[in-house]
Each structure stands twice: as C-alpha cells, then as structure tokens.
Amino acid sequence: MVLNYIWIAFFLIALIVALFKTIFRHDMEVFSAMVNSTFDMAEVSFEIAIGLTGILCLWLGIMNIGEKGGAVQLLSKLFAPFFNKLFPDIPENHPSRGSMMMNFCANMLGLANAATPMGLKAMNELQELNDKKDTASNSMIMFLVLNTSGLTLIPITVMNYRSQFGAENPADVFIPILLATFFASIVGLITVAIYQKINLFNKTILIYLGAISAVIVGAIYYFSSLSPEALKVQSSLISSIILYGLICLFIVLALRKKINVYDAFIEGAKGGFEIAIKIIPFLVAIIVSIGVFRASGAMDLIIDGVAWVFGLFLENTAFVNGLPTAIMKPLSGSGARGLMLESFHHFGVDSFVGKLTSTLQGATDTTFYIIAVYFGAVSIRKTRYAITAGLIADLAGIIAAIFIAYLFFGGSVGNISNQEITEKFANCVENSNMKSLNKHFSNDLYLIDYQLDTISNNPSSFINELNSIANYKLVWQKEINNEEHMVKFENKNDTKSYKLFYKNGKIIKVEYLGFFKYD
C-alpha cells in the first residue's frame, strides 16, 4: 500500500511542478522532457532486467551446486543460532538461510552482481514459507532492510571511480564507508527489531554482533596500515579470491557427494530467466516514476529547499553540495552514481564534497530498486513497513556519512587552494602526469595566446598542448592575486610561460605568454 502511494505521488508531484514551471517560468520543454523520460526509463528498466538475466543464470546455477554439495547448508549451520533469533519464522535447516548468508557475504565484499541473484533466490525460498503470498513476511522485511543498509567491507566500485578521476588516494574513503554502512545496518536492524519485537539484548545476538564488529575493526586495522595503492590492489584481490574460492569449494563438495556438477548448474540456471522476466513490470513501474519525478525538476526543488533550510541554521553548509547524491541513492543507483561523478568533476575528486559523495554512495543501497526487484520476483504487493524501515536505515547511513566525512576530511568545499592547484599544475608538467590535472579544469576551459587567438577550447585539447612541454622544469611562479597565477617552464634553451585564471576553485582560462620574461 505504501509503495502505491509513493508511486502515485511521484507522478502527481511531477505534474504540479511541471505546471508551475510552464505557467510561471515559461518552460515549454518540461512536459516534453517528462514524456521522453517515460520512454527512456522504460527502455532502461528492460535493459536492466535483461542485463540481470546472465548474472542470475550464473549464480543460481552455482548456488544449486552449493546446495546439492552441502556447502550452503554448512554456511547456514554456522550462523544458525544468530538466524534463529533474527528469523524465528524460518525452520532451522531451511535453504533460505544459506542463500541469505551468501547474499550478505557478497554485499560485504562489494560484489553487487553476485549478491542480487543470491538475494532473489533467498526471496523465492522465503516465499515458500509465506502464508500470505501477496504480503511481505517478517523474515522478508528483516532480510530486505539488512540488504538495503548495504554493509560493505570492501567498497571496490567507489574506489575504482575515484581512481579513474585521478584521486591522490582513491582508498581514503574506505574506512568512512565501512563505518557509515555499519551504522546504517545497526539502525536498520534495531528498527525492524522494534517492529517485530525481537530482543536484541539476547546473549546469542550480542555475541554474533560482537564478532561482526570485531571483523570490521580488524579490517579497519589491517587495511589502514597499507599504502593507498596496496589497499586498492589487496581489497580487490581478497574479494575475488574469496568469491572464486567459494565457487571452487561448492564444486569440490559436490564432487565428494558424486553430484553431476554440470547438470546441477544447468538445473539451477534455468530459473534465472524466469526471475528476470518476472521483475520487468516492477522495475518499469518504479524506474519510470522516478524518471518522471527527476525530469519535472521536482528533485532539484527538494534539494534546493533542503539546502536553503540548512543555510538558515548552520554556518558550515559544505555538506549540502553532497545532498543530491544522498537523496538520489535510495531512488536510483545510476542516478546517484552520476551525481557523485558530477561532483568529482565540479568540485574535484579530492575536495571535501568529492570525498563526501563517495562516502554517501557507499553508505547505503538503492532501497526502491531493491524493493522493486526483490518483492517483484515473488509478486509481493503489500510491503507493510519495509519501505519505512529501509528509509530509516538509509537516513541513518546518510547522517553517519556526513558526520564521518567531517571527522575524516574537514568541512570546506574545496580542500585545495588556487595556489596549491598552481603548484600541482607545475608538478604534473614536470613529471608528465597531465591526466590528474583534468579535475582542476573547468568544462569551458580555453587556451589563448598573447595575441588573444584561441589555441584550444576544452580541457582535453589543452592537456594535449601540455604534453608538448612534458618534463619541462618549473623555473618561476607568481601569485598575482588569488584568481590569477603565472608559471614559467624551461627545457635547455626553450621556455614556456602561462597565466592561469581561476574561478570557483577551477582553472577557467589559460593565456600562453610564449617567451615572455619576468623581472
């Protein structure tokens, strides 16, 4: 019922905002954008479902091998006392326990592609125990909320994006993300426990939560002792080894039981296509509604309104620039990722905002997408308090991410001054490392010569120009004022001089001064 109201609200709020923009702002394109969005998002929804098909077939096949070989049952027995308390409705030897545990492990390792098929398998197994086939059971809600809180030990994806944008230390958000997801998971667990009247002070629950906390502390201690490059390499390596090791373990255990491993894989994989087809209507419904909401400009109004409110009470509102990512994440993973990457480009990947959006991206999961996919796979229409609990966990993760980002990275929008950018500019030219300069350039950057003729009109062509003076040595630099800096490079008898112009922490224009000499 809640999802029904939310779905209707997306469309009606979008209509009101679009009418306002058309009548009062004379925006004649907004309705066209909304209609186009419905077609585009419907296509995207179908592509997502089709993209999931291969992954679903793969992992459902592997999970079937694990079940027949007894590996999944061993894993579920290991956590049986804990699951008995959190999921009292599930029989002790039910296969859903193993599937849920595999899903949690994949999420913790940052392997979303592997986690989704395991989660869908768990939901189908939980549906077998559900008396009301159109209504979410207590076990389904607990599983889904723990899933949406997104506890992650190794945020590989976020670190890779930071590396692509030239971050000096792509892994510097590792510990903040780990802490933020931990807080989100704990709050999600507490919220559902209150709804379901589960005693979290039970000795068994406290022992398992203590063990999980110890693993997290151990991961923080180990990974924080590594260099940035070693952390990135080892975290990716460890995740891959664990995952591939599990696959091989499943196969070996199946061989011991003399199971036909290939047939077991094919048998399990057949269900992947059926699940992918079943979730298409649910994906189309939620993604199209979110797309219309965004296209109308309603999302921008909410973000601007939140920023205005915080500006009334707080002096330091640097975190407001990260709110678009925070607000978008529960609605759309790709949308939040795009906003994170946009913040990298606009503010710099190593700015406070860049690090905050990285932390926010890893702090929670896409609640509405998960609800649409997981409940859609088993035709659940009455979600009860699942959305409320999931969003409370998301809010906890967002608040934790903001506070932790301030604690780890300070609170200024740009942690790097124009003078520091100039010094980095010189250092990159000297060391032929032009790629990492891109984040400090405005989209509209252009290079002119001393006769004011345009040499290049975008960052890429300017970087190509800089490649011609790679390994030149800096011999002189001067700050004329905060917005204008001069640098001079030399290579034997050849000299090149440039004047850099700044605006909002970005280089917006460069003037080539040729052989201009300074006193």
Protein backbone atom coordinates (compact mmCIF):
# COMPACT_ATOMS: atom_id res chain seq x y z
CA MET A 1 0.00 0.00 0.00
CA VAL A 2 2.83 2.41 0.89
CA LEU A 3 4.52 1.76 -2.45
CA ASN A 4 1.22 2.51 -4.17
CA TYR A 5 1.01 5.95 -2.54
CA ILE A 6 4.67 6.71 -3.27
CA TRP A 7 4.25 5.72 -6.92
CA ILE A 8 1.18 7.97 -7.32
CA ALA A 9 2.96 10.82 -5.50
CA PHE A 10 5.90 10.73 -7.92
CA PHE A 11 3.58 11.35 -10.88
CA LEU A 12 1.28 13.92 -9.26
CA ILE A 13 4.09 15.97 -7.70
CA ALA A 14 5.85 15.92 -11.07
CA LEU A 15 2.65 17.22 -12.70
CA ILE A 16 2.30 20.09 -10.20
CA VAL A 17 5.94 21.12 -10.59
CA ALA A 18 5.72 20.93 -14.39
CA LEU A 19 2.57 23.08 -14.46
CA PHE A 20 4.24 25.66 -12.23
CA LYS A 21 7.33 25.79 -14.46
CA THR A 22 5.22 26.04 -17.62
CA ILE A 23 2.87 28.77 -16.36
CA PHE A 24 5.17 30.92 -14.24
CA ARG A 25 8.62 30.25 -15.72
CA HIS A 26 7.51 29.77 -19.32
CA ASP A 27 9.39 26.49 -19.55
CA MET A 28 7.86 24.91 -22.65
CA GLU A 29 10.21 21.92 -22.62
CA VAL A 30 9.38 20.36 -19.26
CA PHE A 31 6.39 18.26 -20.37
CA SER A 32 8.32 17.04 -23.39
CA ALA A 33 11.20 16.06 -21.10
CA MET A 34 8.81 14.17 -18.81
CA VAL A 35 7.17 12.26 -21.66
CA ASN A 36 10.56 11.41 -23.18
CA SER A 37 11.67 10.24 -19.74
CA THR A 38 8.85 7.69 -19.58
CA PHE A 39 10.03 6.06 -22.81
CA ASP A 40 13.73 6.28 -21.91
CA MET A 41 13.26 4.86 -18.40
CA ALA A 42 11.01 2.07 -19.65
CA GLU A 43 13.80 1.06 -22.02
CA VAL A 44 16.38 1.35 -19.24
CA SER A 45 14.22 -0.85 -16.98
CA PHE A 46 14.04 -3.56 -19.62
CA GLU A 47 17.79 -3.34 -20.26
CA ILE A 48 18.47 -3.72 -16.52
CA ALA A 49 16.30 -6.84 -16.38
CA ILE A 50 17.95 -8.32 -19.47
CA GLY A 51 21.37 -7.43 -18.07
CA LEU A 52 20.49 -9.32 -14.90
CA THR A 53 19.49 -12.45 -16.83
CA GLY A 54 23.00 -13.75 -17.46
CA ILE A 55 24.16 -12.96 -13.92
CA LEU A 56 21.04 -14.59 -12.46
CA CYS A 57 21.57 -17.75 -14.51
CA LEU A 58 25.24 -17.92 -13.49
CA TRP A 59 24.76 -17.52 -9.75
CA LEU A 60 21.57 -19.51 -9.43
CA GLY A 61 23.42 -22.35 -11.15
CA ILE A 62 26.37 -22.02 -8.76
CA MET A 63 24.03 -21.82 -5.75
CA ASN A 64 22.33 -25.04 -6.88
CA ILE A 65 25.73 -26.76 -6.95
CA GLY A 66 26.36 -25.44 -3.43
CA GLU A 67 23.03 -26.74 -2.17
CA LYS A 68 23.44 -30.21 -3.67
CA GLY A 69 27.02 -30.40 -2.40
CA GLY A 70 26.05 -29.32 1.12
CA ALA A 71 28.16 -26.12 1.19
CA VAL A 72 25.20 -23.78 1.63
CA GLN A 73 23.87 -25.94 4.46
CA LEU A 74 27.27 -25.77 6.21
CA LEU A 75 27.26 -21.99 5.93
CA SER A 76 23.72 -21.74 7.31
CA LYS A 77 24.61 -24.01 10.26
CA LEU A 78 27.49 -21.70 11.15
CA PHE A 79 25.06 -18.81 11.66
CA ALA A 80 22.07 -20.90 12.77
CA PRO A 81 21.94 -19.58 16.39
CA PHE A 82 22.01 -15.97 15.13
CA PHE A 83 19.39 -16.59 12.45
CA ASN A 84 17.16 -18.43 14.95
CA LYS A 85 16.81 -15.15 16.85
CA LEU A 86 16.54 -12.74 13.89
CA PHE A 87 14.42 -15.01 11.70
CA PRO A 88 12.33 -17.09 14.13
CA ASP A 89 9.79 -17.92 11.38
CA ILE A 90 12.37 -19.83 9.30
CA PRO A 91 12.94 -23.53 10.11
CA GLU A 92 16.49 -24.33 11.18
CA ASN A 93 17.54 -26.30 8.09
CA HIS A 94 15.66 -24.26 5.50
CA PRO A 95 17.74 -23.44 2.36
CA SER A 96 16.83 -19.73 2.53
CA ARG A 97 19.29 -19.32 5.40
CA GLY A 98 22.23 -20.30 3.24
CA SER A 99 21.07 -18.08 0.37
CA MET A 100 20.69 -15.09 2.70
CA MET A 101 24.14 -15.68 4.16
CA MET A 102 25.68 -15.86 0.69
CA ASN A 103 23.90 -12.61 -0.20
CA PHE A 104 25.23 -10.84 2.89
CA CYS A 105 28.78 -12.07 2.18
CA ALA A 106 28.68 -10.86 -1.43
CA ASN A 107 27.40 -7.44 -0.34
CA MET A 108 30.10 -7.12 2.31
CA LEU A 109 32.73 -7.86 -0.33
CA GLY A 110 31.28 -5.17 -2.61
CA LEU A 111 30.18 -7.73 -5.21
CA ALA A 112 26.69 -6.45 -6.08
CA ASN A 113 26.43 -8.54 -9.27
CA ALA A 114 26.81 -11.71 -7.25
CA ALA A 115 24.64 -10.50 -4.35
CA THR A 116 21.47 -9.85 -6.37
CA PRO A 117 20.93 -13.41 -7.71
CA MET A 118 21.57 -14.84 -4.24
CA GLY A 119 19.12 -12.36 -2.73
CA LEU A 120 16.44 -13.23 -5.28
CA LYS A 121 16.94 -16.92 -4.59
CA ALA A 122 16.52 -16.24 -0.87
CA MET A 123 13.29 -14.30 -1.51
CA ASN A 124 11.85 -17.18 -3.56
CA GLU A 125 12.70 -19.60 -0.76
CA LEU A 126 11.19 -17.29 1.86
CA GLN A 127 8.02 -17.05 -0.25
CA GLU A 128 7.60 -20.82 0.15
CA LEU A 129 7.15 -20.23 3.90
CA ASN A 130 4.86 -17.24 3.45
CA ASP A 131 1.18 -17.88 4.20
CA LYS A 132 0.02 -14.63 2.53
CA LYS A 133 1.59 -14.73 -0.92
CA ASP A 134 0.92 -11.05 -1.75
CA THR A 135 2.14 -9.70 1.62
CA ALA A 136 5.72 -9.38 2.86
CA SER A 137 6.51 -11.68 5.79
CA ASN A 138 8.55 -10.64 8.84
CA SER A 139 11.56 -12.61 7.57
CA MET A 140 11.36 -10.97 4.14
CA ILE A 141 11.31 -7.50 5.69
CA MET A 142 14.25 -8.21 8.02
CA PHE A 143 16.25 -9.62 5.10
CA LEU A 144 15.38 -6.74 2.77
CA VAL A 145 16.20 -3.98 5.30
CA LEU A 146 19.56 -5.55 6.15
CA ASN A 147 20.14 -5.69 2.40
CA THR A 148 19.23 -2.04 1.76
CA SER A 149 21.51 -0.84 4.57
CA GLY A 150 24.33 -2.20 2.42
CA LEU A 151 27.01 -3.24 4.96
CA THR A 152 30.22 -3.16 2.90
CA LEU A 153 33.69 -4.23 3.99
CA ILE A 154 35.39 -3.52 0.67
CA PRO A 155 33.87 -0.70 -1.49
CA ILE A 156 35.66 -1.68 -4.70
CA THR A 157 33.37 0.20 -7.11
CA VAL A 158 33.68 3.60 -5.40
CA MET A 159 37.46 3.27 -5.13
CA ASN A 160 37.69 2.43 -8.83
CA TYR A 161 35.71 5.55 -9.81
CA ARG A 162 37.92 7.71 -7.60
CA SER A 163 40.99 6.22 -9.23
CA GLN A 164 39.63 6.95 -12.72
CA PHE A 165 39.22 10.61 -11.76
CA GLY A 166 42.84 10.85 -10.62
CA ALA A 167 42.36 10.86 -6.83
CA GLU A 168 45.66 11.06 -4.97
CA ASN A 169 44.43 8.31 -2.63
CA PRO A 170 41.41 6.50 -4.13
CA ALA A 171 41.07 4.37 -0.99
CA ASP A 172 40.87 7.25 1.52
CA VAL A 173 37.09 6.73 1.76
CA PHE A 174 37.47 3.05 2.67
CA ILE A 175 37.13 3.46 6.45
CA PRO A 176 34.41 6.19 6.29
CA ILE A 177 32.26 3.98 4.03
CA LEU A 178 32.79 0.96 6.27
CA LEU A 179 31.74 2.94 9.37
CA ALA A 180 28.74 4.59 7.67
CA THR A 181 27.38 1.28 6.35
CA PHE A 182 27.88 -0.30 9.77
CA PHE A 183 25.78 2.43 11.42
CA ALA A 184 23.10 2.09 8.71
CA SER A 185 22.94 -1.68 9.23
CA ILE A 186 22.71 -1.39 13.02
CA VAL A 187 19.91 1.20 12.80
CA GLY A 188 18.07 -0.92 10.21
CA LEU A 189 18.37 -3.97 12.47
CA ILE A 190 17.12 -2.03 15.51
CA THR A 191 14.19 -0.57 13.54
CA VAL A 192 12.94 -3.94 12.31
CA ALA A 193 13.57 -5.50 15.73
CA ILE A 194 11.27 -2.88 17.30
CA TYR A 195 8.55 -3.61 14.74
CA GLN A 196 8.90 -7.37 15.21
CA LYS A 197 9.51 -7.25 18.99
CA ILE A 198 12.88 -9.02 18.75
CA ASN A 199 15.09 -8.78 21.85
CA LEU A 200 18.45 -7.54 20.59
CA PHE A 201 19.96 -7.87 24.07
CA ASN A 202 19.74 -11.61 23.78
CA LYS A 203 23.12 -13.19 24.57
CA THR A 204 23.34 -15.02 21.23
CA ILE A 205 22.61 -11.88 19.19
CA LEU A 206 25.15 -9.84 21.17
CA ILE A 207 27.86 -12.48 20.65
CA TYR A 208 27.34 -12.56 16.87
CA LEU A 209 27.11 -8.76 16.61
CA GLY A 210 30.29 -8.54 18.67
CA ALA A 211 32.03 -10.98 16.31
CA ILE A 212 30.90 -8.99 13.25
CA SER A 213 32.11 -5.78 14.91
CA ALA A 214 35.46 -7.45 15.63
CA VAL A 215 35.80 -8.39 11.95
CA ILE A 216 35.09 -4.78 10.96
CA VAL A 217 37.62 -3.43 13.48
CA GLY A 218 40.16 -5.97 12.25
CA ALA A 219 39.56 -4.94 8.63
CA ILE A 220 40.00 -1.28 9.56
CA TYR A 221 43.23 -2.05 11.44
CA TYR A 222 44.71 -4.15 8.63
CA PHE A 223 43.72 -2.02 5.64
CA SER A 224 44.63 1.28 7.33
CA SER A 225 48.21 0.01 7.69
CA LEU A 226 48.56 -0.41 3.90
CA SER A 227 49.65 2.17 1.37
CA PRO A 228 46.84 3.57 -0.83
CA GLU A 229 47.93 1.52 -3.83
CA ALA A 230 48.36 -1.65 -1.77
CA LEU A 231 44.92 -1.17 -0.20
CA LYS A 232 43.27 -0.86 -3.59
CA VAL A 233 45.08 -3.91 -5.00
CA GLN A 234 44.65 -6.12 -1.94
CA SER A 235 40.99 -5.29 -1.34
CA SER A 236 40.14 -6.22 -4.93
CA LEU A 237 42.32 -9.34 -4.75
CA ILE A 238 40.87 -10.54 -1.44
CA SER A 239 37.29 -10.11 -2.67
CA SER A 240 37.99 -12.02 -5.87
CA ILE A 241 39.85 -14.83 -4.08
CA ILE A 242 37.06 -15.30 -1.53
CA LEU A 243 34.37 -15.36 -4.20
CA TYR A 244 36.23 -17.70 -6.55
CA GLY A 245 37.25 -19.82 -3.58
CA LEU A 246 33.58 -20.29 -2.66
CA ILE A 247 32.77 -21.39 -6.22
CA CYS A 248 35.57 -23.97 -6.14
CA LEU A 249 34.51 -25.12 -2.65
CA PHE A 250 30.98 -25.70 -3.94
CA ILE A 251 32.31 -27.76 -6.84
CA VAL A 252 34.67 -29.85 -4.66
CA LEU A 253 31.96 -30.63 -2.09
CA ALA A 254 29.57 -31.59 -4.89
CA LEU A 255 32.22 -33.91 -6.36
CA ARG A 256 32.63 -35.59 -2.95
CA LYS A 257 28.93 -36.39 -3.00
CA LYS A 258 29.27 -37.67 -6.58
CA ILE A 259 26.91 -35.00 -7.92
CA ASN A 260 26.83 -34.30 -11.66
CA VAL A 261 28.10 -30.72 -11.27
CA TYR A 262 27.31 -29.62 -14.82
CA ASP A 263 23.71 -30.86 -14.65
CA ALA A 264 23.28 -29.23 -11.25
CA PHE A 265 24.46 -25.92 -12.69
CA ILE A 266 22.08 -26.12 -15.68
CA GLU A 267 19.18 -27.06 -13.42
CA GLY A 268 19.73 -24.01 -11.21
CA ALA A 269 20.50 -21.63 -14.07
CA LYS A 270 17.14 -22.31 -15.75
CA GLY A 271 15.41 -20.28 -13.07
CA GLY A 272 17.40 -17.14 -13.86
CA PHE A 273 15.45 -16.26 -16.99
CA GLU A 274 12.10 -16.80 -15.28
CA ILE A 275 13.00 -14.43 -12.43
CA ALA A 276 14.36 -11.78 -14.83
CA ILE A 277 11.10 -11.79 -16.81
CA LYS A 278 9.00 -11.65 -13.64
CA ILE A 279 10.68 -8.49 -12.29
CA ILE A 280 10.36 -6.44 -15.52
CA PRO A 281 6.91 -4.90 -14.72
CA PHE A 282 8.03 -3.94 -11.21
CA LEU A 283 11.24 -2.37 -12.50
CA VAL A 284 9.41 -0.42 -15.19
CA ALA A 285 6.90 0.89 -12.64
CA ILE A 286 9.41 2.23 -10.13
CA ILE A 287 12.13 3.45 -12.53
CA VAL A 288 9.69 5.28 -14.85
CA SER A 289 8.06 7.05 -11.88
CA ILE A 290 11.45 8.16 -10.54
CA GLY A 291 12.49 9.30 -14.02
CA VAL A 292 9.38 11.48 -14.39
CA PHE A 293 9.96 12.93 -10.92
CA ARG A 294 13.51 13.91 -11.88
CA ALA A 295 12.63 15.21 -15.35
CA SER A 296 9.97 17.55 -13.92
CA GLY A 297 12.55 19.31 -11.76
CA ALA A 298 10.90 18.19 -8.51
CA MET A 299 14.12 16.58 -7.30
CA ASP A 300 16.04 19.83 -7.86
CA LEU A 301 13.42 21.77 -5.90
CA ILE A 302 13.71 19.38 -2.97
CA ILE A 303 17.49 19.61 -2.96
CA ASP A 304 17.46 23.42 -3.21
CA GLY A 305 14.85 23.61 -0.45
CA VAL A 306 16.86 21.40 1.88
CA ALA A 307 19.98 23.47 1.17
CA TRP A 308 18.08 26.69 1.95
CA VAL A 309 16.74 25.33 5.25
CA PHE A 310 20.16 24.18 6.44
CA GLY A 311 21.63 27.53 5.40
CA LEU A 312 19.29 29.29 7.86
CA PHE A 313 20.69 27.45 10.87
CA LEU A 314 24.21 26.33 10.02
CA GLU A 315 27.30 28.34 9.21
CA ASN A 316 29.18 25.48 7.56
CA THR A 317 26.93 24.01 4.87
CA ALA A 318 29.59 22.40 2.69
CA PHE A 319 27.78 19.07 3.08
CA VAL A 320 24.75 20.48 1.22
CA ASN A 321 26.63 20.01 -2.06
CA GLY A 322 26.61 16.27 -1.37
CA LEU A 323 22.87 16.07 -0.65
CA PRO A 324 21.88 15.39 -4.30
CA THR A 325 23.78 12.10 -4.12
CA ALA A 326 22.31 11.31 -0.69
CA ILE A 327 18.72 11.98 -1.75
CA MET A 328 19.08 10.18 -5.07
CA LYS A 329 20.71 6.99 -3.71
CA PRO A 330 17.55 5.34 -2.28
CA LEU A 331 15.75 6.09 -5.57
CA SER A 332 18.31 5.31 -8.25
CA GLY A 333 21.77 3.77 -8.06
CA SER A 334 22.78 5.01 -11.52
CA GLY A 335 21.39 8.48 -10.76
CA ALA A 336 23.36 8.69 -7.51
CA ARG A 337 26.48 7.45 -9.28
CA GLY A 338 26.08 10.12 -11.95
CA LEU A 339 25.70 12.85 -9.31
CA MET A 340 28.78 11.56 -7.49
CA LEU A 341 30.83 11.67 -10.70
CA GLU A 342 29.48 15.16 -11.45
CA SER A 343 30.67 16.30 -8.02
CA PHE A 344 34.12 14.88 -8.82
CA HIS A 345 34.23 16.97 -11.96
CA HIS A 346 32.78 20.16 -10.46
CA PHE A 347 34.46 20.25 -7.04
CA GLY A 348 37.38 17.87 -7.59
CA VAL A 349 37.66 14.23 -6.57
CA ASP A 350 39.92 15.18 -3.63
CA SER A 351 37.70 18.01 -2.38
CA PHE A 352 35.56 17.62 0.73
CA VAL A 353 32.44 17.32 -1.44
CA GLY A 354 34.10 14.70 -3.66
CA LYS A 355 35.01 12.59 -0.63
CA LEU A 356 31.61 13.13 0.97
CA THR A 357 29.70 11.97 -2.13
CA SER A 358 32.00 8.93 -2.34
CA THR A 359 31.12 8.08 1.25
CA LEU A 360 27.41 8.66 0.65
CA GLN A 361 27.48 6.49 -2.48
CA GLY A 362 28.87 3.60 -0.47
CA ALA A 363 26.92 4.24 2.74
CA THR A 364 23.51 2.91 1.66
CA ASP A 365 21.87 0.95 -1.11
CA THR A 366 19.09 1.66 -3.61
CA THR A 367 16.07 0.94 -1.41
CA PHE A 368 13.34 1.38 -4.02
CA TYR A 369 15.24 -0.62 -6.65
CA ILE A 370 15.81 -3.47 -4.19
CA ILE A 371 12.16 -3.42 -3.13
CA ALA A 372 11.02 -3.45 -6.76
CA VAL A 373 13.35 -6.30 -7.73
CA TYR A 374 13.18 -8.47 -4.62
CA PHE A 375 9.46 -8.16 -3.92
CA GLY A 376 8.69 -8.16 -7.64
CA ALA A 377 10.45 -11.51 -8.04
CA VAL A 378 7.90 -13.11 -5.71
CA SER A 379 4.89 -10.91 -6.62
CA ILE A 380 4.68 -9.16 -3.24
CA ARG A 381 2.38 -6.13 -3.42
CA LYS A 382 1.77 -5.35 0.26
CA THR A 383 5.16 -4.29 1.61
CA ARG A 384 3.95 -3.39 5.14
CA TYR A 385 6.66 -1.37 6.95
CA ALA A 386 9.54 -2.50 4.71
CA ILE A 387 9.91 0.87 2.95
CA THR A 388 9.71 2.82 6.22
CA ALA A 389 12.37 0.68 7.89
CA GLY A 390 14.57 0.74 4.79
CA LEU A 391 14.43 4.53 4.53
CA ILE A 392 15.19 4.91 8.26
CA ALA A 393 18.32 2.80 7.70
CA ASP A 394 19.18 4.96 4.66
CA LEU A 395 18.74 8.15 6.69
CA ALA A 396 21.00 6.77 9.42
CA GLY A 397 23.64 5.94 6.82
CA ILE A 398 23.40 9.42 5.28
CA ILE A 399 23.68 11.22 8.64
CA ALA A 400 26.56 8.97 9.69
CA ALA A 401 28.33 9.55 6.35
CA ILE A 402 28.09 13.34 6.74
CA PHE A 403 29.43 13.36 10.31
CA ILE A 404 32.17 10.86 9.48
CA ALA A 405 33.19 12.86 6.38
CA TYR A 406 33.57 15.98 8.53
CA LEU A 407 35.59 13.97 11.04
CA PHE A 408 37.94 12.48 8.44
CA PHE A 409 38.14 15.18 5.76
CA GLY A 410 37.28 18.54 7.36
CA GLY A 411 34.45 20.69 6.09
CA SER A 412 35.45 23.12 3.37
CA VAL A 413 34.05 22.74 -0.13
CA GLY A 414 37.48 22.89 -1.65
CA ASN A 415 40.26 21.42 0.45
CA ILE A 416 42.82 22.66 -2.04
CA SER A 417 43.60 26.35 -2.67
CA ASN A 418 44.28 28.02 -6.01
CA GLN A 419 47.94 28.31 -5.02
CA GLU A 420 48.06 24.57 -4.30
CA ILE A 421 46.45 23.85 -7.68
CA THR A 422 49.10 26.01 -9.37
CA GLU A 423 51.82 24.07 -7.57
CA LYS A 424 50.19 20.81 -8.62
CA PHE A 425 49.93 22.11 -12.20
CA ALA A 426 53.67 22.75 -12.21
CA ASN A 427 54.46 19.41 -10.61
CA CYS A 428 52.32 17.50 -13.13
CA VAL A 429 54.05 19.21 -16.07
CA GLU A 430 57.47 18.43 -14.61
CA ASN A 431 56.54 14.77 -14.05
CA SER A 432 54.50 14.33 -17.25
CA ASN A 433 51.35 13.46 -15.28
CA MET A 434 48.75 15.56 -17.11
CA LYS A 435 45.81 13.20 -16.51
CA SER A 436 45.42 14.13 -12.84
CA LEU A 437 45.05 17.82 -13.78
CA ASN A 438 41.72 17.27 -15.52
CA LYS A 439 39.69 17.56 -12.31
CA HIS A 440 41.01 21.11 -11.78
CA PHE A 441 39.88 22.36 -15.20
CA SER A 442 36.52 23.97 -15.93
CA ASN A 443 34.38 22.39 -18.65
CA ASP A 444 34.67 25.68 -20.55
CA LEU A 445 38.44 25.98 -20.21
CA TYR A 446 40.16 27.57 -23.18
CA LEU A 447 43.75 28.43 -24.03
CA ILE A 448 44.64 31.67 -25.80
CA ASP A 449 47.97 33.07 -26.96
CA TYR A 450 49.38 36.54 -26.28
CA GLN A 451 47.55 37.85 -29.35
CA LEU A 452 44.26 36.58 -27.81
CA ASP A 453 43.81 33.93 -30.52
CA THR A 454 42.18 30.74 -29.22
CA ILE A 455 44.53 27.75 -29.34
CA SER A 456 42.20 25.23 -27.68
CA ASN A 457 38.70 25.40 -26.22
CA ASN A 458 38.33 22.34 -23.98
CA PRO A 459 40.34 20.55 -21.27
CA SER A 460 41.29 17.59 -23.48
CA SER A 461 42.93 19.69 -26.17
CA PHE A 462 44.71 21.76 -23.52
CA ILE A 463 46.13 18.59 -21.97
CA ASN A 464 47.40 17.62 -25.43
CA GLU A 465 49.05 21.03 -25.60
CA LEU A 466 50.67 20.45 -22.21
CA ASN A 467 52.03 17.11 -23.38
CA SER A 468 54.30 19.07 -25.72
CA ILE A 469 56.13 20.51 -22.70
CA ALA A 470 56.21 17.33 -20.63
CA ASN A 471 59.28 17.11 -18.38
CA TYR A 472 59.98 20.86 -18.62
CA LYS A 473 61.24 22.26 -15.29
CA LEU A 474 59.49 24.99 -13.33
CA VAL A 475 61.83 27.97 -13.01
CA TRP A 476 59.42 30.68 -11.81
CA GLN A 477 55.92 31.11 -10.45
CA LYS A 478 53.99 34.05 -9.02
CA GLU A 479 50.57 34.69 -7.50
CA ILE A 480 49.34 37.99 -8.96
CA ASN A 481 46.12 37.69 -6.93
CA ASN A 482 44.02 34.76 -5.77
CA GLU A 483 42.37 34.44 -9.21
CA GLU A 484 45.48 34.91 -11.42
CA HIS A 485 48.75 32.99 -11.27
CA MET A 486 51.82 32.87 -13.55
CA VAL A 487 54.21 29.97 -14.20
CA LYS A 488 57.32 29.60 -16.35
CA PHE A 489 58.89 26.33 -17.53
CA GLU A 490 62.28 25.74 -19.10
CA ASN A 491 63.98 22.92 -21.02
CA LYS A 492 67.56 23.74 -22.01
CA ASN A 493 67.18 26.92 -24.11
CA ASP A 494 63.41 26.64 -24.58
CA THR A 495 60.99 28.41 -22.21
CA LYS A 496 57.20 28.41 -21.98
CA SER A 497 55.16 30.79 -19.80
CA TYR A 498 51.47 30.64 -18.86
CA LYS A 499 48.98 32.77 -16.97
CA LEU A 500 46.28 30.78 -15.14
CA PHE A 501 42.85 32.28 -14.39
CA TYR A 502 40.70 30.78 -11.61
CA LYS A 503 37.01 30.86 -10.74
CA ASN A 504 35.29 28.79 -8.02
CA GLY A 505 38.39 26.70 -7.48
CA LYS A 506 38.76 25.75 -11.17
CA ILE A 507 41.11 26.90 -13.92
CA ILE A 508 38.77 28.57 -16.43
CA LYS A 509 41.28 30.15 -18.81
CA VAL A 510 44.98 29.85 -19.63
CA GLU A 511 46.93 32.50 -21.51
CA TYR A 512 50.08 31.34 -23.29
CA LEU A 513 52.72 34.05 -22.96
CA GLY A 514 55.38 32.47 -25.15
CA PHE A 515 58.87 33.62 -24.25
CA PHE A 516 57.64 36.43 -22.02
CA LYS A 517 60.32 37.28 -19.44
CA TYR A 518 59.62 38.37 -15.88
CA ASP A 519 61.65 40.52 -13.54
